[in-house]
Amino acid sequence: VLNTLERNGVHIDIFMLQQQSDALAHDIDRLEK
């Protein structure tokens, strides 16, 4: 299964990924404080 995924690639929802990244950045900033 991984072999096939690596050869074909996967579809990524860039907008969703950006939202997750922003949420993580917010939490990281909060934890730093």
Full PDB file with SEQRES, HELIX, SHEET, SSBOND, CRYST1, ORIGX, SCALE, CONECT and MASTER records, all heavy atoms in Angstrom:
SEQRES   1 A   33  VAL LEU ASN THR LEU GLU ARG ASN GLY VAL HIS ILE ASP          
SEQRES   2 A   33  ILE PHE MET LEU GLN GLN GLN SER ASP ALA LEU ALA HIS          
SEQRES   3 A   33  ASP ILE ASP ARG LEU GLU LYS                                  
HELIX    1 AA1 LEU A    2  ASN A    8  1                                   7    
HELIX    2 AA2 ILE A   14  GLU A   32  1                                  19    
CRYST1    1.000    1.000    1.000  90.00  90.00  90.00 P 1           1          
ORIGX1      1.000000  0.000000  0.000000        0.00000                         
ORIGX2      0.000000  1.000000  0.000000        0.00000                         
ORIGX3      0.000000  0.000000  1.000000        0.00000                         
SCALE1      1.000000  0.000000  0.000000        0.00000                         
SCALE2      0.000000  1.000000  0.000000        0.00000                         
SCALE3      0.000000  0.000000  1.000000        0.00000                         
ATOM      1  N   VAL A   1       0.847  -1.200   0.000  1.00  0.00           N  
ATOM      2  CA  VAL A   1       0.000   0.000   0.000  1.00  0.00           C  
ATOM      3  C   VAL A   1       0.884   1.254   0.000  1.00  0.00           C  
ATOM      4  O   VAL A   1       0.681   2.173  -0.802  1.00  0.00           O  
ATOM      5  CB  VAL A   1      -0.942   0.012   1.228  1.00  0.00           C  
ATOM      6  CG1 VAL A   1      -1.727   1.312   1.291  1.00  0.00           C  
ATOM      7  CG2 VAL A   1      -1.893  -1.174   1.190  1.00  0.00           C  
ATOM      8  N   LEU A   2       1.867   1.272   0.897  1.00  0.00           N  
ATOM      9  CA  LEU A   2       2.798   2.404   0.956  1.00  0.00           C  
ATOM     10  C   LEU A   2       3.590   2.520  -0.345  1.00  0.00           C  
ATOM     11  O   LEU A   2       3.852   3.614  -0.835  1.00  0.00           O  
ATOM     12  CB  LEU A   2       3.756   2.249   2.134  1.00  0.00           C  
ATOM     13  CG  LEU A   2       3.147   2.415   3.525  1.00  0.00           C  
ATOM     14  CD1 LEU A   2       4.177   2.101   4.594  1.00  0.00           C  
ATOM     15  CD2 LEU A   2       2.613   3.826   3.719  1.00  0.00           C  
ATOM     16  N   ASN A   3       3.956   1.368  -0.902  1.00  0.00           N  
ATOM     17  CA  ASN A   3       4.687   1.350  -2.167  1.00  0.00           C  
ATOM     18  C   ASN A   3       3.879   2.041  -3.266  1.00  0.00           C  
ATOM     19  O   ASN A   3       4.414   2.864  -4.021  1.00  0.00           O  
ATOM     20  CB  ASN A   3       4.975  -0.108  -2.539  1.00  0.00           C  
ATOM     21  CG  ASN A   3       5.671  -0.247  -3.872  1.00  0.00           C  
ATOM     22  OD1 ASN A   3       5.099  -0.767  -4.818  1.00  0.00           O  
ATOM     23  ND2 ASN A   3       6.914   0.192  -3.971  1.00  0.00           N  
ATOM     24  N   THR A   4       2.585   1.751  -3.315  1.00  0.00           N  
ATOM     25  CA  THR A   4       1.705   2.367  -4.324  1.00  0.00           C  
ATOM     26  C   THR A   4       1.543   3.860  -4.062  1.00  0.00           C  
ATOM     27  O   THR A   4       1.578   4.669  -4.994  1.00  0.00           O  
ATOM     28  CB  THR A   4       0.322   1.672  -4.309  1.00  0.00           C  
ATOM     29  OG1 THR A   4       0.514   0.274  -4.529  1.00  0.00           O  
ATOM     30  CG2 THR A   4      -0.580   2.231  -5.401  1.00  0.00           C  
ATOM     31  N   LEU A   5       1.358   4.221  -2.779  1.00  0.00           N  
ATOM     32  CA  LEU A   5       1.225   5.639  -2.413  1.00  0.00           C  
ATOM     33  C   LEU A   5       2.472   6.427  -2.821  1.00  0.00           C  
ATOM     34  O   LEU A   5       2.372   7.526  -3.365  1.00  0.00           O  
ATOM     35  CB  LEU A   5       1.025   5.780  -0.903  1.00  0.00           C  
ATOM     36  CG  LEU A   5      -0.387   5.551  -0.355  1.00  0.00           C  
ATOM     37  CD1 LEU A   5      -0.345   5.506   1.169  1.00  0.00           C  
ATOM     38  CD2 LEU A   5      -1.325   6.640  -0.807  1.00  0.00           C  
ATOM     39  N   GLU A   6       3.629   5.842  -2.553  1.00  0.00           N  
ATOM     40  CA  GLU A   6       4.877   6.532  -2.872  1.00  0.00           C  
ATOM     41  C   GLU A   6       5.054   6.727  -4.378  1.00  0.00           C  
ATOM     42  O   GLU A   6       5.596   7.723  -4.827  1.00  0.00           O  
ATOM     43  CB  GLU A   6       6.065   5.749  -2.295  1.00  0.00           C  
ATOM     44  CG  GLU A   6       6.156   5.850  -0.783  1.00  0.00           C  
ATOM     45  CD  GLU A   6       7.224   4.943  -0.192  1.00  0.00           C  
ATOM     46  OE1 GLU A   6       7.973   4.301  -0.969  1.00  0.00           O  
ATOM     47  OE2 GLU A   6       7.316   4.869   1.038  1.00  0.00           O  
ATOM     48  N   ARG A   7       4.571   5.765  -5.153  1.00  0.00           N  
ATOM     49  CA  ARG A   7       4.705   5.876  -6.612  1.00  0.00           C  
ATOM     50  C   ARG A   7       3.678   6.844  -7.208  1.00  0.00           C  
ATOM     51  O   ARG A   7       3.983   7.581  -8.149  1.00  0.00           O  
ATOM     52  CB  ARG A   7       4.547   4.504  -7.270  1.00  0.00           C  
ATOM     53  CG  ARG A   7       5.658   3.544  -6.937  1.00  0.00           C  
ATOM     54  CD  ARG A   7       5.559   2.259  -7.727  1.00  0.00           C  
ATOM     55  NE  ARG A   7       5.983   2.430  -9.112  1.00  0.00           N  
ATOM     56  CZ  ARG A   7       7.247   2.444  -9.524  1.00  0.00           C  
ATOM     57  NH1 ARG A   7       8.226   2.307  -8.656  1.00  0.00           N  
ATOM     58  NH2 ARG A   7       7.546   2.585 -10.799  1.00  0.00           N  
ATOM     59  N   ASN A   8       2.465   6.841  -6.652  1.00  0.00           N  
ATOM     60  CA  ASN A   8       1.374   7.628  -7.244  1.00  0.00           C  
ATOM     61  C   ASN A   8       1.199   9.003  -6.629  1.00  0.00           C  
ATOM     62  O   ASN A   8       0.640   9.899  -7.263  1.00  0.00           O  
ATOM     63  CB  ASN A   8       0.044   6.863  -7.121  1.00  0.00           C  
ATOM     64  CG  ASN A   8       0.053   5.567  -7.892  1.00  0.00           C  
ATOM     65  OD1 ASN A   8       0.919   5.343  -8.735  1.00  0.00           O  
ATOM     66  ND2 ASN A   8      -0.897   4.690  -7.607  1.00  0.00           N  
ATOM     67  N   GLY A   9       1.653   9.165  -5.383  1.00  0.00           N  
ATOM     68  CA  GLY A   9       1.385  10.413  -4.669  1.00  0.00           C  
ATOM     69  C   GLY A   9      -0.019  10.413  -4.087  1.00  0.00           C  
ATOM     70  O   GLY A   9      -0.797   9.476  -4.300  1.00  0.00           O  
ATOM     71  N   VAL A  10      -0.348  11.467  -3.330  1.00  0.00           N  
ATOM     72  CA  VAL A  10      -1.682  11.581  -2.742  1.00  0.00           C  
ATOM     73  C   VAL A  10      -2.198  12.999  -2.960  1.00  0.00           C  
ATOM     74  O   VAL A  10      -1.418  13.938  -3.107  1.00  0.00           O  
ATOM     75  CB  VAL A  10      -1.673  11.281  -1.220  1.00  0.00           C  
ATOM     76  CG1 VAL A  10      -1.356   9.827  -0.950  1.00  0.00           C  
ATOM     77  CG2 VAL A  10      -0.704  12.185  -0.485  1.00  0.00           C  
ATOM     78  N   HIS A  11      -3.517  13.140  -3.013  1.00  0.00           N  
ATOM     79  CA  HIS A  11      -4.122  14.468  -3.116  1.00  0.00           C  
ATOM     80  C   HIS A  11      -4.081  15.155  -1.755  1.00  0.00           C  
ATOM     81  O   HIS A  11      -4.340  14.528  -0.735  1.00  0.00           O  
ATOM     82  CB  HIS A  11      -5.581  14.357  -3.572  1.00  0.00           C  
ATOM     83  CG  HIS A  11      -5.721  14.000  -5.017  1.00  0.00           C  
ATOM     84  ND1 HIS A  11      -5.322  14.840  -6.030  1.00  0.00           N  
ATOM     85  CD2 HIS A  11      -6.202  12.891  -5.623  1.00  0.00           C  
ATOM     86  CE1 HIS A  11      -5.567  14.269  -7.196  1.00  0.00           C  
ATOM     87  NE2 HIS A  11      -6.091  13.083  -6.981  1.00  0.00           N  
ATOM     88  N   ILE A  12      -3.747  16.427  -1.745  1.00  0.00           N  
ATOM     89  CA  ILE A  12      -3.696  17.183  -0.488  1.00  0.00           C  
ATOM     90  C   ILE A  12      -4.582  18.418  -0.587  1.00  0.00           C  
ATOM     91  O   ILE A  12      -4.563  19.129  -1.592  1.00  0.00           O  
ATOM     92  CB  ILE A  12      -2.240  17.599  -0.156  1.00  0.00           C  
ATOM     93  CG1 ILE A  12      -1.462  16.367   0.301  1.00  0.00           C  
ATOM     94  CG2 ILE A  12      -2.203  18.667   0.908  1.00  0.00           C  
ATOM     95  CD1 ILE A  12      -0.075  16.652   0.789  1.00  0.00           C  
ATOM     96  N   ASP A  13      -5.387  18.632   0.451  1.00  0.00           N  
ATOM     97  CA  ASP A  13      -6.214  19.829   0.550  1.00  0.00           C  
ATOM     98  C   ASP A  13      -5.341  20.935   1.142  1.00  0.00           C  
ATOM     99  O   ASP A  13      -5.134  21.009   2.355  1.00  0.00           O  
ATOM    100  CB  ASP A  13      -7.424  19.534   1.457  1.00  0.00           C  
ATOM    101  CG  ASP A  13      -8.396  20.704   1.530  1.00  0.00           C  
ATOM    102  OD1 ASP A  13      -7.954  21.865   1.332  1.00  0.00           O  
ATOM    103  OD2 ASP A  13      -9.588  20.468   1.790  1.00  0.00           O  
ATOM    104  N   ILE A  14      -4.809  21.779   0.279  1.00  0.00           N  
ATOM    105  CA  ILE A  14      -3.859  22.810   0.711  1.00  0.00           C  
ATOM    106  C   ILE A  14      -4.500  23.789   1.696  1.00  0.00           C  
ATOM    107  O   ILE A  14      -3.868  24.208   2.674  1.00  0.00           O  
ATOM    108  CB  ILE A  14      -3.292  23.566  -0.515  1.00  0.00           C  
ATOM    109  CG1 ILE A  14      -2.471  22.588  -1.374  1.00  0.00           C  
ATOM    110  CG2 ILE A  14      -2.407  24.735  -0.084  1.00  0.00           C  
ATOM    111  CD1 ILE A  14      -2.012  23.169  -2.688  1.00  0.00           C  
ATOM    112  N   PHE A  15      -5.756  24.126   1.454  1.00  0.00           N  
ATOM    113  CA  PHE A  15      -6.452  25.069   2.340  1.00  0.00           C  
ATOM    114  C   PHE A  15      -6.569  24.484   3.752  1.00  0.00           C  
ATOM    115  O   PHE A  15      -6.288  25.159   4.741  1.00  0.00           O  
ATOM    116  CB  PHE A  15      -7.837  25.400   1.785  1.00  0.00           C  
ATOM    117  CG  PHE A  15      -8.630  26.330   2.650  1.00  0.00           C  
ATOM    118  CD1 PHE A  15      -8.268  27.670   2.796  1.00  0.00           C  
ATOM    119  CD2 PHE A  15      -9.744  25.865   3.353  1.00  0.00           C  
ATOM    120  CE1 PHE A  15      -8.992  28.522   3.622  1.00  0.00           C  
ATOM    121  CE2 PHE A  15     -10.474  26.719   4.175  1.00  0.00           C  
ATOM    122  CZ  PHE A  15     -10.091  28.045   4.303  1.00  0.00           C  
ATOM    123  N   MET A  16      -6.975  23.227   3.834  1.00  0.00           N  
ATOM    124  CA  MET A  16      -7.097  22.551   5.134  1.00  0.00           C  
ATOM    125  C   MET A  16      -5.743  22.467   5.846  1.00  0.00           C  
ATOM    126  O   MET A  16      -5.625  22.709   7.046  1.00  0.00           O  
ATOM    127  CB  MET A  16      -7.663  21.133   4.938  1.00  0.00           C  
ATOM    128  CG  MET A  16      -7.751  20.300   6.207  1.00  0.00           C  
ATOM    129  SD  MET A  16      -8.960  20.942   7.365  1.00  0.00           S  
ATOM    130  CE  MET A  16     -10.473  20.327   6.600  1.00  0.00           C  
ATOM    131  N   LEU A  17      -4.705  22.171   5.072  1.00  0.00           N  
ATOM    132  CA  LEU A  17      -3.363  22.064   5.632  1.00  0.00           C  
ATOM    133  C   LEU A  17      -2.899  23.418   6.195  1.00  0.00           C  
ATOM    134  O   LEU A  17      -2.288  23.480   7.259  1.00  0.00           O  
ATOM    135  CB  LEU A  17      -2.396  21.591   4.536  1.00  0.00           C  
ATOM    136  CG  LEU A  17      -1.137  20.850   4.977  1.00  0.00           C  
ATOM    137  CD1 LEU A  17      -1.478  19.606   5.773  1.00  0.00           C  
ATOM    138  CD2 LEU A  17      -0.295  20.479   3.770  1.00  0.00           C  
ATOM    139  N   GLN A  18      -3.225  24.491   5.482  1.00  0.00           N  
ATOM    140  CA  GLN A  18      -2.865  25.835   5.931  1.00  0.00           C  
ATOM    141  C   GLN A  18      -3.584  26.193   7.229  1.00  0.00           C  
ATOM    142  O   GLN A  18      -3.010  26.777   8.140  1.00  0.00           O  
ATOM    143  CB  GLN A  18      -3.191  26.871   4.853  1.00  0.00           C  
ATOM    144  CG  GLN A  18      -2.716  28.291   5.187  1.00  0.00           C  
ATOM    145  CD  GLN A  18      -1.212  28.385   5.356  1.00  0.00           C  
ATOM    146  OE1 GLN A  18      -0.464  28.026   4.457  1.00  0.00           O  
ATOM    147  NE2 GLN A  18      -0.760  28.864   6.506  1.00  0.00           N  
ATOM    148  N   GLN A  19      -4.862  25.793   7.312  1.00  0.00           N  
ATOM    149  CA  GLN A  19      -5.640  26.037   8.537  1.00  0.00           C  
ATOM    150  C   GLN A  19      -5.005  25.317   9.733  1.00  0.00           C  
ATOM    151  O   GLN A  19      -4.876  25.886  10.817  1.00  0.00           O  
ATOM    152  CB  GLN A  19      -7.082  25.543   8.352  1.00  0.00           C  
ATOM    153  CG  GLN A  19      -7.949  26.468   7.514  1.00  0.00           C  
ATOM    154  CD  GLN A  19      -9.382  25.979   7.475  1.00  0.00           C  
ATOM    155  OE1 GLN A  19      -9.644  24.796   7.247  1.00  0.00           O  
ATOM    156  NE2 GLN A  19     -10.329  26.872   7.697  1.00  0.00           N  
ATOM    157  N   GLN A  20      -4.610  24.061   9.495  1.00  0.00           N  
ATOM    158  CA  GLN A  20      -3.982  23.278  10.561  1.00  0.00           C  
ATOM    159  C   GLN A  20      -2.655  23.905  10.979  1.00  0.00           C  
ATOM    160  O   GLN A  20      -2.323  23.966  12.165  1.00  0.00           O  
ATOM    161  CB  GLN A  20      -3.771  21.833  10.096  1.00  0.00           C  
ATOM    162  CG  GLN A  20      -5.076  21.064   9.931  1.00  0.00           C  
ATOM    163  CD  GLN A  20      -4.851  19.669   9.369  1.00  0.00           C  
ATOM    164  OE1 GLN A  20      -3.926  19.445   8.610  1.00  0.00           O  
ATOM    165  NE2 GLN A  20      -5.712  18.747   9.743  1.00  0.00           N  
ATOM    166  N   SER A  21      -1.890  24.363   9.988  1.00  0.00           N  
ATOM    167  CA  SER A  21      -0.597  24.980  10.263  1.00  0.00           C  
ATOM    168  C   SER A  21      -0.764  26.262  11.088  1.00  0.00           C  
ATOM    169  O   SER A  21      -0.017  26.506  12.036  1.00  0.00           O  
ATOM    170  CB  SER A  21       0.123  25.285   8.952  1.00  0.00           C  
ATOM    171  OG  SER A  21       1.468  25.616   9.180  1.00  0.00           O  
ATOM    172  N   ASP A  22      -1.767  27.063  10.725  1.00  0.00           N  
ATOM    173  CA  ASP A  22      -2.041  28.302  11.461  1.00  0.00           C  
ATOM    174  C   ASP A  22      -2.461  28.007  12.904  1.00  0.00           C  
ATOM    175  O   ASP A  22      -2.050  28.702  13.836  1.00  0.00           O  
ATOM    176  CB  ASP A  22      -3.143  29.107  10.755  1.00  0.00           C  
ATOM    177  CG  ASP A  22      -2.674  29.681   9.419  1.00  0.00           C  
ATOM    178  OD1 ASP A  22      -1.454  29.702   9.182  1.00  0.00           O  
ATOM    179  OD2 ASP A  22      -3.544  30.074   8.610  1.00  0.00           O  
ATOM    180  N   ALA A  23      -3.300  26.972  13.069  1.00  0.00           N  
ATOM    181  CA  ALA A  23      -3.755  26.597  14.412  1.00  0.00           C  
ATOM    182  C   ALA A  23      -2.580  26.132  15.276  1.00  0.00           C  
ATOM    183  O   ALA A  23      -2.471  26.490  16.450  1.00  0.00           O  
ATOM    184  CB  ALA A  23      -4.814  25.485  14.313  1.00  0.00           C  
ATOM    185  N   LEU A  24      -1.679  25.351  14.668  1.00  0.00           N  
ATOM    186  CA  LEU A  24      -0.493  24.891  15.397  1.00  0.00           C  
ATOM    187  C   LEU A  24       0.396  26.077  15.774  1.00  0.00           C  
ATOM    188  O   LEU A  24       0.917  26.137  16.888  1.00  0.00           O  
ATOM    189  CB  LEU A  24       0.297  23.888  14.548  1.00  0.00           C  
ATOM    190  CG  LEU A  24      -0.294  22.481  14.422  1.00  0.00           C  
ATOM    191  CD1 LEU A  24       0.474  21.674  13.389  1.00  0.00           C  
ATOM    192  CD2 LEU A  24      -0.271  21.758  15.761  1.00  0.00           C  
ATOM    193  N   ALA A  25       0.566  27.006  14.846  1.00  0.00           N  
ATOM    194  CA  ALA A  25       1.395  28.194  15.111  1.00  0.00           C  
ATOM    195  C   ALA A  25       0.836  28.987  16.291  1.00  0.00           C  
ATOM    196  O   ALA A  25       1.599  29.467  17.141  1.00  0.00           O  
ATOM    197  CB  ALA A  25       1.465  29.066  13.867  1.00  0.00           C  
ATOM    198  N   HIS A  26      -0.500  29.094  16.350  1.00  0.00           N  
ATOM    199  CA  HIS A  26      -1.151  29.808  17.451  1.00  0.00           C  
ATOM    200  C   HIS A  26      -0.864  29.109  18.782  1.00  0.00           C  
ATOM    201  O   HIS A  26      -0.521  29.755  19.783  1.00  0.00           O  
ATOM    202  CB  HIS A  26      -2.663  29.872  17.200  1.00  0.00           C  
ATOM    203  CG  HIS A  26      -3.437  30.506  18.306  1.00  0.00           C  
ATOM    204  ND1 HIS A  26      -3.488  31.866  18.511  1.00  0.00           N  
ATOM    205  CD2 HIS A  26      -4.186  29.944  19.305  1.00  0.00           C  
ATOM    206  CE1 HIS A  26      -4.226  32.124  19.572  1.00  0.00           C  
ATOM    207  NE2 HIS A  26      -4.670  30.972  20.073  1.00  0.00           N  
ATOM    208  N   ASP A  27      -0.996  27.778  18.800  1.00  0.00           N  
ATOM    209  CA  ASP A  27      -0.771  27.011  20.029  1.00  0.00           C  
ATOM    210  C   ASP A  27       0.707  27.052  20.446  1.00  0.00           C  
ATOM    211  O   ASP A  27       1.024  27.116  21.638  1.00  0.00           O  
ATOM    212  CB  ASP A  27      -1.206  25.556  19.834  1.00  0.00           C  
ATOM    213  CG  ASP A  27      -2.728  25.416  19.797  1.00  0.00           C  
ATOM    214  OD1 ASP A  27      -3.412  26.340  20.276  1.00  0.00           O  
ATOM    215  OD2 ASP A  27      -3.220  24.398  19.274  1.00  0.00           O  
ATOM    216  N   ILE A  28       1.598  27.005  19.467  1.00  0.00           N  
ATOM    217  CA  ILE A  28       3.037  27.067  19.746  1.00  0.00           C  
ATOM    218  C   ILE A  28       3.390  28.409  20.390  1.00  0.00           C  
ATOM    219  O   ILE A  28       4.143  28.472  21.367  1.00  0.00           O  
ATOM    220  CB  ILE A  28       3.845  26.838  18.450  1.00  0.00           C  
ATOM    221  CG1 ILE A  28       3.725  25.373  18.011  1.00  0.00           C  
ATOM    222  CG2 ILE A  28       5.320  27.215  18.633  1.00  0.00           C  
ATOM    223  CD1 ILE A  28       4.185  25.104  16.590  1.00  0.00           C  
ATOM    224  N   ASP A  29       2.806  29.471  19.855  1.00  0.00           N  
ATOM    225  CA  ASP A  29       3.046  30.816  20.398  1.00  0.00           C  
ATOM    226  C   ASP A  29       2.530  30.917  21.835  1.00  0.00           C  
ATOM    227  O   ASP A  29       3.188  31.476  22.714  1.00  0.00           O  
ATOM    228  CB  ASP A  29       2.354  31.849  19.501  1.00  0.00           C  
ATOM    229  CG  ASP A  29       2.678  33.282  19.917  1.00  0.00           C  
ATOM    230  OD1 ASP A  29       3.876  33.611  20.002  1.00  0.00           O  
ATOM    231  OD2 ASP A  29       1.733  34.054  20.169  1.00  0.00           O  
ATOM    232  N   ARG A  30       1.349  30.325  22.077  1.00  0.00           N  
ATOM    233  CA  ARG A  30       0.749  30.343  23.419  1.00  0.00           C  
ATOM    234  C   ARG A  30       1.644  29.583  24.408  1.00  0.00           C  
ATOM    235  O   ARG A  30       1.883  30.048  25.534  1.00  0.00           O  
ATOM    236  CB  ARG A  30      -0.642  29.704  23.353  1.00  0.00           C  
ATOM    237  CG  ARG A  30      -1.317  29.520  24.718  1.00  0.00           C  
ATOM    238  CD  ARG A  30      -2.715  28.910  24.574  1.00  0.00           C  
ATOM    239  NE  ARG A  30      -2.718  27.663  23.834  1.00  0.00           N  
ATOM    240  CZ  ARG A  30      -2.355  26.479  24.356  1.00  0.00           C  
ATOM    241  NH1 ARG A  30      -1.943  26.401  25.622  1.00  0.00           N  
ATOM    242  NH2 ARG A  30      -2.403  25.382  23.614  1.00  0.00           N  
ATOM    243  N   LEU A  31       2.149  28.428  23.998  1.00  0.00           N  
ATOM    244  CA  LEU A  31       2.993  27.616  24.869  1.00  0.00           C  
ATOM    245  C   LEU A  31       4.326  28.309  25.158  1.00  0.00           C  
ATOM    246  O   LEU A  31       4.863  28.212  26.270  1.00  0.00           O  
ATOM    247  CB  LEU A  31       3.245  26.245  24.233  1.00  0.00           C  
ATOM    248  CG  LEU A  31       2.050  25.283  24.260  1.00  0.00           C  
ATOM    249  CD1 LEU A  31       2.290  24.103  23.323  1.00  0.00           C  
ATOM    250  CD2 LEU A  31       1.775  24.788  25.667  1.00  0.00           C  
ATOM    251  N   GLU A  32       4.858  29.018  24.162  1.00  0.00           N  
ATOM    252  CA  GLU A  32       6.103  29.749  24.369  1.00  0.00           C  
ATOM    253  C   GLU A  32       5.924  30.820  25.452  1.00  0.00           C  
ATOM    254  O   GLU A  32       6.774  30.976  26.333  1.00  0.00           O  
ATOM    255  CB  GLU A  32       6.559  30.390  23.060  1.00  0.00           C  
ATOM    256  CG  GLU A  32       7.934  31.057  23.154  1.00  0.00           C  
ATOM    257  CD  GLU A  32       8.436  31.558  21.815  1.00  0.00           C  
ATOM    258  OE1 GLU A  32       7.600  31.992  20.997  1.00  0.00           O  
ATOM    259  OE2 GLU A  32       9.657  31.527  21.597  1.00  0.00           O  
ATOM    260  N   LYS A  33       4.779  31.526  25.390  1.00  0.00           N  
ATOM    261  CA  LYS A  33       4.493  32.549  26.397  1.00  0.00           C  
ATOM    262  C   LYS A  33       4.315  31.910  27.775  1.00  0.00           C  
ATOM    263  O   LYS A  33       4.775  32.443  28.790  1.00  0.00           O  
ATOM    264  CB  LYS A  33       3.244  33.334  25.999  1.00  0.00           C  
ATOM    265  CG  LYS A  33       3.494  34.297  24.830  1.00  0.00           C  
ATOM    266  CD  LYS A  33       2.210  34.930  24.330  1.00  0.00           C  
ATOM    267  CE  LYS A  33       2.498  35.846  23.133  1.00  0.00           C  
ATOM    268  NZ  LYS A  33       1.267  36.318  22.474  1.00  0.00           N  
TER     269      LYS A  33                                                      
MASTER        0    0    0    2    0    0    0    6  268    1    0    3          
END                                                                             
